[in-house]
Amino acid sequence: MSGIMHTLKIDPRVMAAQVTGFILLWILLAKYFFRPVLALLDSRRQEVKSLYESAESERAKAEEFRADYEKRMAGIEAEARARIQAAIKEAQGAKNEILADAKSRAEDILRRGQEDLAREREKTLAQLRGEVVNISVAAAGKLIEESLDQARHRRLVSDFIDRIGTAR
């Protein structure tokens, strides 16, 4: 091995000095540079982890608020629909009541009108009968008082018919 080192022109003392220097450099770097850098990296890792957890927590809260909001909105919409349906039913009931009342009143007015018309008709017929009886009695009285010839008889009947036609 010393032949190879000599061929490569490697001095073992220089090499030992370089290895010793490297080990000392490594110890110094580990103590004064790597530890603070690793501590800084660890601190940064913890900070990022904390921020990530905080962001995750905030996202969860936001999701919870959104779900609560949607739930409330659904409740409000359902309540509004229920109120609208109740108002529609109430209006329909009022409409039916008003229509029934109007129909009842119309039927009552129609019935009273028909009754009034029937009474007036009966009254008019009674008056007409009375007049016909009076005219018949008067005609019979005239027939009895006068002796009638054929021409006179025709004239009395014609007058009687004319009076009945005018009385209507």
C-alpha atoms as a PDB file:
ATOM      1  CA  MET A   1       0.000   0.000   0.000  1.00  0.00           C
ATOM      2  CA  SER A   2       2.859   2.301   0.613  1.00  0.00           C
ATOM      3  CA  GLY A   3       3.974   1.590  -2.933  1.00  0.00           C
ATOM      4  CA  ILE A   4       0.662   2.722  -4.293  1.00  0.00           C
ATOM      5  CA  MET A   5       0.693   5.835  -2.146  1.00  0.00           C
ATOM      6  CA  HIS A   6       4.169   6.654  -3.282  1.00  0.00           C
ATOM      7  CA  THR A   7       3.210   6.078  -6.897  1.00  0.00           C
ATOM      8  CA  LEU A   8       0.248   8.405  -6.494  1.00  0.00           C
ATOM      9  CA  LYS A   9       2.474  10.838  -4.641  1.00  0.00           C
ATOM     10  CA  ILE A  10       0.335  10.870  -1.515  1.00  0.00           C
ATOM     11  CA  ASP A  11       2.123  11.871   1.669  1.00  0.00           C
ATOM     12  CA  PRO A  12       0.654  10.045   4.709  1.00  0.00           C
ATOM     13  CA  ARG A  13       1.437  12.952   7.044  1.00  0.00           C
ATOM     14  CA  VAL A  14      -0.364  15.408   4.788  1.00  0.00           C
ATOM     15  CA  MET A  15      -3.221  13.052   4.521  1.00  0.00           C
ATOM     16  CA  ALA A  16      -3.379  12.614   8.304  1.00  0.00           C
ATOM     17  CA  ALA A  17      -3.287  16.410   8.692  1.00  0.00           C
ATOM     18  CA  GLN A  18      -6.070  16.818   6.154  1.00  0.00           C
ATOM     19  CA  VAL A  19      -8.239  14.143   7.828  1.00  0.00           C
ATOM     20  CA  THR A  20      -7.575  15.746  11.234  1.00  0.00           C
ATOM     21  CA  GLY A  21      -8.426  19.183   9.843  1.00  0.00           C
ATOM     22  CA  PHE A  22     -11.565  17.826   8.240  1.00  0.00           C
ATOM     23  CA  ILE A  23     -12.690  16.197  11.510  1.00  0.00           C
ATOM     24  CA  LEU A  24     -11.981  19.408  13.452  1.00  0.00           C
ATOM     25  CA  LEU A  25     -13.838  21.438  10.811  1.00  0.00           C
ATOM     26  CA  TRP A  26     -16.741  19.005  11.017  1.00  0.00           C
ATOM     27  CA  ILE A  27     -16.903  19.278  14.826  1.00  0.00           C
ATOM     28  CA  LEU A  28     -16.719  23.088  14.683  1.00  0.00           C
ATOM     29  CA  LEU A  29     -19.379  23.264  11.965  1.00  0.00           C
ATOM     30  CA  ALA A  30     -21.612  20.831  13.846  1.00  0.00           C
ATOM     31  CA  LYS A  31     -21.296  22.812  17.071  1.00  0.00           C
ATOM     32  CA  TYR A  32     -21.499  26.361  15.733  1.00  0.00           C
ATOM     33  CA  PHE A  33     -23.205  26.104  12.352  1.00  0.00           C
ATOM     34  CA  PHE A  34     -25.229  22.906  11.928  1.00  0.00           C
ATOM     35  CA  ARG A  35     -26.958  23.060  15.323  1.00  0.00           C
ATOM     36  CA  PRO A  36     -28.217  26.652  14.890  1.00  0.00           C
ATOM     37  CA  VAL A  37     -29.189  25.959  11.280  1.00  0.00           C
ATOM     38  CA  LEU A  38     -30.915  22.727  12.278  1.00  0.00           C
ATOM     39  CA  ALA A  39     -32.569  24.524  15.193  1.00  0.00           C
ATOM     40  CA  LEU A  40     -33.706  27.274  12.790  1.00  0.00           C
ATOM     41  CA  LEU A  41     -35.003  24.669  10.326  1.00  0.00           C
ATOM     42  CA  ASP A  42     -36.758  22.802  13.145  1.00  0.00           C
ATOM     43  CA  SER A  43     -38.261  26.067  14.393  1.00  0.00           C
ATOM     44  CA  ARG A  44     -39.437  26.893  10.863  1.00  0.00           C
ATOM     45  CA  ARG A  45     -40.857  23.385  10.494  1.00  0.00           C
ATOM     46  CA  GLN A  46     -42.769  23.812  13.761  1.00  0.00           C
ATOM     47  CA  GLU A  47     -44.019  27.255  12.629  1.00  0.00           C
ATOM     48  CA  VAL A  48     -45.212  25.866   9.288  1.00  0.00           C
ATOM     49  CA  LYS A  49     -46.857  22.931  11.068  1.00  0.00           C
ATOM     50  CA  SER A  50     -48.541  25.334  13.489  1.00  0.00           C
ATOM     51  CA  LEU A  51     -49.743  27.546  10.612  1.00  0.00           C
ATOM     52  CA  TYR A  52     -51.014  24.506   8.759  1.00  0.00           C
ATOM     53  CA  GLU A  53     -52.899  23.261  11.830  1.00  0.00           C
ATOM     54  CA  SER A  54     -54.281  26.748  12.421  1.00  0.00           C
ATOM     55  CA  ALA A  55     -55.386  26.995   8.796  1.00  0.00           C
ATOM     56  CA  GLU A  56     -56.966  23.535   9.043  1.00  0.00           C
ATOM     57  CA  SER A  57     -58.758  24.568  12.229  1.00  0.00           C
ATOM     58  CA  GLU A  58     -60.004  27.779  10.594  1.00  0.00           C
ATOM     59  CA  ARG A  59     -61.146  25.804   7.551  1.00  0.00           C
ATOM     60  CA  ALA A  60     -63.044  23.401   9.810  1.00  0.00           C
ATOM     61  CA  LYS A  61     -64.662  26.345  11.622  1.00  0.00           C
ATOM     62  CA  ALA A  62     -65.563  27.958   8.297  1.00  0.00           C
ATOM     63  CA  GLU A  63     -67.065  24.663   7.120  1.00  0.00           C
ATOM     64  CA  GLU A  64     -69.036  24.413  10.370  1.00  0.00           C
ATOM     65  CA  PHE A  65     -70.285  27.999   9.958  1.00  0.00           C
ATOM     66  CA  ARG A  66     -71.238  27.302   6.346  1.00  0.00           C
ATOM     67  CA  ALA A  67     -73.140  24.162   7.328  1.00  0.00           C
ATOM     68  CA  ASP A  68     -74.897  26.065  10.130  1.00  0.00           C
ATOM     69  CA  TYR A  69     -75.730  28.887   7.696  1.00  0.00           C
ATOM     70  CA  GLU A  70     -77.129  26.454   5.140  1.00  0.00           C
ATOM     71  CA  LYS A  71     -79.141  24.727   7.849  1.00  0.00           C
ATOM     72  CA  ARG A  72     -80.594  28.040   9.037  1.00  0.00           C
ATOM     73  CA  MET A  73     -81.367  29.117   5.472  1.00  0.00           C
ATOM     74  CA  ALA A  74     -83.151  25.817   4.825  1.00  0.00           C
ATOM     75  CA  GLY A  75     -85.143  26.323   8.032  1.00  0.00           C
ATOM     76  CA  ILE A  76     -86.032  29.873   7.066  1.00  0.00           C
ATOM     77  CA  GLU A  77     -87.071  28.769   3.575  1.00  0.00           C
ATOM     78  CA  ALA A  78     -89.188  25.947   5.007  1.00  0.00           C
ATOM     79  CA  GLU A  79     -90.810  28.344   7.470  1.00  0.00           C
ATOM     80  CA  ALA A  80     -91.495  30.853   4.681  1.00  0.00           C
ATOM     81  CA  ARG A  81     -93.030  28.107   2.523  1.00  0.00           C
ATOM     82  CA  ALA A  82     -95.181  26.969   5.462  1.00  0.00           C
ATOM     83  CA  ARG A  83     -96.365  30.538   6.088  1.00  0.00           C
ATOM     84  CA  ILE A  84     -97.163  31.013   2.412  1.00  0.00           C
ATOM     85  CA  GLN A  85     -99.104  27.734   2.349  1.00  0.00           C
ATOM     86  CA  ALA A  86    -101.009  28.754   5.498  1.00  0.00           C
ATOM     87  CA  ALA A  87    -101.830  32.142   3.975  1.00  0.00           C
ATOM     88  CA  ILE A  88    -103.008  30.447   0.779  1.00  0.00           C
ATOM     89  CA  LYS A  89    -105.223  28.066   2.755  1.00  0.00           C
ATOM     90  CA  GLU A  90    -106.604  30.936   4.813  1.00  0.00           C
ATOM     91  CA  ALA A  91    -107.312  32.974   1.673  1.00  0.00           C
ATOM     92  CA  GLN A  92    -108.945  29.946   0.031  1.00  0.00           C
ATOM     93  CA  GLY A  93    -111.138  29.464   3.100  1.00  0.00           C
ATOM     94  CA  ALA A  94    -112.097  33.142   3.099  1.00  0.00           C
ATOM     95  CA  LYS A  95    -112.835  32.953  -0.634  1.00  0.00           C
ATOM     96  CA  ASN A  96    -115.029  29.879  -0.165  1.00  0.00           C
ATOM     97  CA  GLU A  97    -116.837  31.537   2.733  1.00  0.00           C
ATOM     98  CA  ILE A  98    -117.439  34.737   0.731  1.00  0.00           C
ATOM     99  CA  LEU A  99    -118.649  32.741  -2.279  1.00  0.00           C
ATOM    100  CA  ALA A 100    -120.973  30.643  -0.127  1.00  0.00           C
ATOM    101  CA  ASP A 101    -122.350  33.763   1.547  1.00  0.00           C
ATOM    102  CA  ALA A 102    -122.850  35.507  -1.824  1.00  0.00           C
ATOM    103  CA  LYS A 103    -124.541  32.410  -3.262  1.00  0.00           C
ATOM    104  CA  SER A 104    -126.806  32.155  -0.230  1.00  0.00           C
ATOM    105  CA  ARG A 105    -127.749  35.824  -0.498  1.00  0.00           C
ATOM    106  CA  ALA A 106    -128.366  35.541  -4.244  1.00  0.00           C
ATOM    107  CA  GLU A 107    -130.561  32.479  -3.738  1.00  0.00           C
ATOM    108  CA  ASP A 108    -132.435  34.288  -0.952  1.00  0.00           C
ATOM    109  CA  ILE A 109    -132.971  37.375  -3.145  1.00  0.00           C
ATOM    110  CA  LEU A 110    -134.099  35.176  -6.051  1.00  0.00           C
ATOM    111  CA  ARG A 111    -136.486  33.226  -3.814  1.00  0.00           C
ATOM    112  CA  ARG A 112    -137.995  36.435  -2.393  1.00  0.00           C
ATOM    113  CA  GLY A 113    -138.341  37.837  -5.918  1.00  0.00           C
ATOM    114  CA  GLN A 114    -140.097  34.707  -7.072  1.00  0.00           C
ATOM    115  CA  GLU A 115    -142.378  34.811  -4.036  1.00  0.00           C
ATOM    116  CA  ASP A 116    -143.163  38.500  -4.671  1.00  0.00           C
ATOM    117  CA  LEU A 117    -143.829  37.749  -8.327  1.00  0.00           C
ATOM    118  CA  ALA A 118    -146.138  34.846  -7.409  1.00  0.00           C
ATOM    119  CA  ARG A 119    -148.039  37.072  -4.913  1.00  0.00           C
ATOM    120  CA  GLU A 120    -148.395  39.848  -7.490  1.00  0.00           C
ATOM    121  CA  ARG A 121    -149.571  37.348 -10.066  1.00  0.00           C
ATOM    122  CA  GLU A 122    -152.161  35.919  -7.691  1.00  0.00           C
ATOM    123  CA  LYS A 123    -153.274  39.440  -6.745  1.00  0.00           C
ATOM    124  CA  THR A 124    -153.574  40.461 -10.403  1.00  0.00           C
ATOM    125  CA  LEU A 125    -155.477  37.265 -11.255  1.00  0.00           C
ATOM    126  CA  ALA A 126    -157.857  37.899  -8.312  1.00  0.00           C
ATOM    127  CA  GLN A 127    -158.464  41.460  -9.514  1.00  0.00           C
ATOM    128  CA  LEU A 128    -158.979  40.213 -13.063  1.00  0.00           C
ATOM    129  CA  ARG A 129    -161.456  37.588 -11.853  1.00  0.00           C
ATOM    130  CA  GLY A 130    -163.310  40.242  -9.904  1.00  0.00           C
ATOM    131  CA  GLU A 131    -163.518  42.483 -12.929  1.00  0.00           C
ATOM    132  CA  VAL A 132    -164.663  39.578 -15.153  1.00  0.00           C
ATOM    133  CA  VAL A 133    -167.362  38.725 -12.592  1.00  0.00           C
ATOM    134  CA  ASN A 134    -168.452  42.361 -12.413  1.00  0.00           C
ATOM    135  CA  ILE A 135    -168.554  42.629 -16.198  1.00  0.00           C
ATOM    136  CA  SER A 136    -170.429  39.333 -16.463  1.00  0.00           C
ATOM    137  CA  VAL A 137    -172.945  40.436 -13.851  1.00  0.00           C
ATOM    138  CA  ALA A 138    -173.401  43.786 -15.596  1.00  0.00           C
ATOM    139  CA  ALA A 139    -173.840  42.096 -18.955  1.00  0.00           C
ATOM    140  CA  ALA A 140    -176.308  39.606 -17.523  1.00  0.00           C
ATOM    141  CA  GLY A 141    -178.220  42.499 -15.909  1.00  0.00           C
ATOM    142  CA  LYS A 142    -178.461  44.317 -19.214  1.00  0.00           C
ATOM    143  CA  LEU A 143    -179.624  41.162 -20.943  1.00  0.00           C
ATOM    144  CA  ILE A 144    -182.329  40.647 -18.436  1.00  0.00           C
ATOM    145  CA  GLU A 145    -183.499  44.290 -18.609  1.00  0.00           C
ATOM    146  CA  GLU A 146    -183.712  44.492 -22.336  1.00  0.00           C
ATOM    147  CA  SER A 147    -185.240  42.182 -24.702  1.00  0.00           C
ATOM    148  CA  LEU A 148    -182.656  41.293 -27.166  1.00  0.00           C
ATOM    149  CA  ASP A 149    -182.831  40.924 -30.831  1.00  0.00           C
ATOM    150  CA  GLN A 150    -180.067  39.207 -32.813  1.00  0.00           C
ATOM    151  CA  ALA A 151    -178.143  42.398 -33.636  1.00  0.00           C
ATOM    152  CA  ARG A 152    -178.332  43.708 -30.110  1.00  0.00           C
ATOM    153  CA  HIS A 153    -177.092  40.366 -28.743  1.00  0.00           C
ATOM    154  CA  ARG A 154    -174.033  40.405 -31.047  1.00  0.00           C
ATOM    155  CA  ARG A 155    -173.170  43.965 -30.043  1.00  0.00           C
ATOM    156  CA  LEU A 156    -173.303  43.143 -26.286  1.00  0.00           C
ATOM    157  CA  VAL A 157    -171.045  40.114 -26.726  1.00  0.00           C
ATOM    158  CA  SER A 158    -168.602  42.205 -28.803  1.00  0.00           C
ATOM    159  CA  ASP A 159    -168.554  44.954 -26.128  1.00  0.00           C
ATOM    160  CA  PHE A 160    -167.978  42.290 -23.445  1.00  0.00           C
ATOM    161  CA  ILE A 161    -165.040  40.840 -25.358  1.00  0.00           C
ATOM    162  CA  ASP A 162    -163.574  44.331 -25.898  1.00  0.00           C
ATOM    163  CA  ARG A 163    -163.804  45.106 -22.175  1.00  0.00           C
ATOM    164  CA  ILE A 164    -162.049  41.869 -21.228  1.00  0.00           C
ATOM    165  CA  GLY A 165    -159.246  42.649 -23.724  1.00  0.00           C
ATOM    166  CA  THR A 166    -158.824  46.209 -22.300  1.00  0.00           C
ATOM    167  CA  ALA A 167    -158.815  45.002 -18.682  1.00  0.00           C
ATOM    168  CA  ARG A 168    -155.668  43.017 -19.201  1.00  0.00           C
END
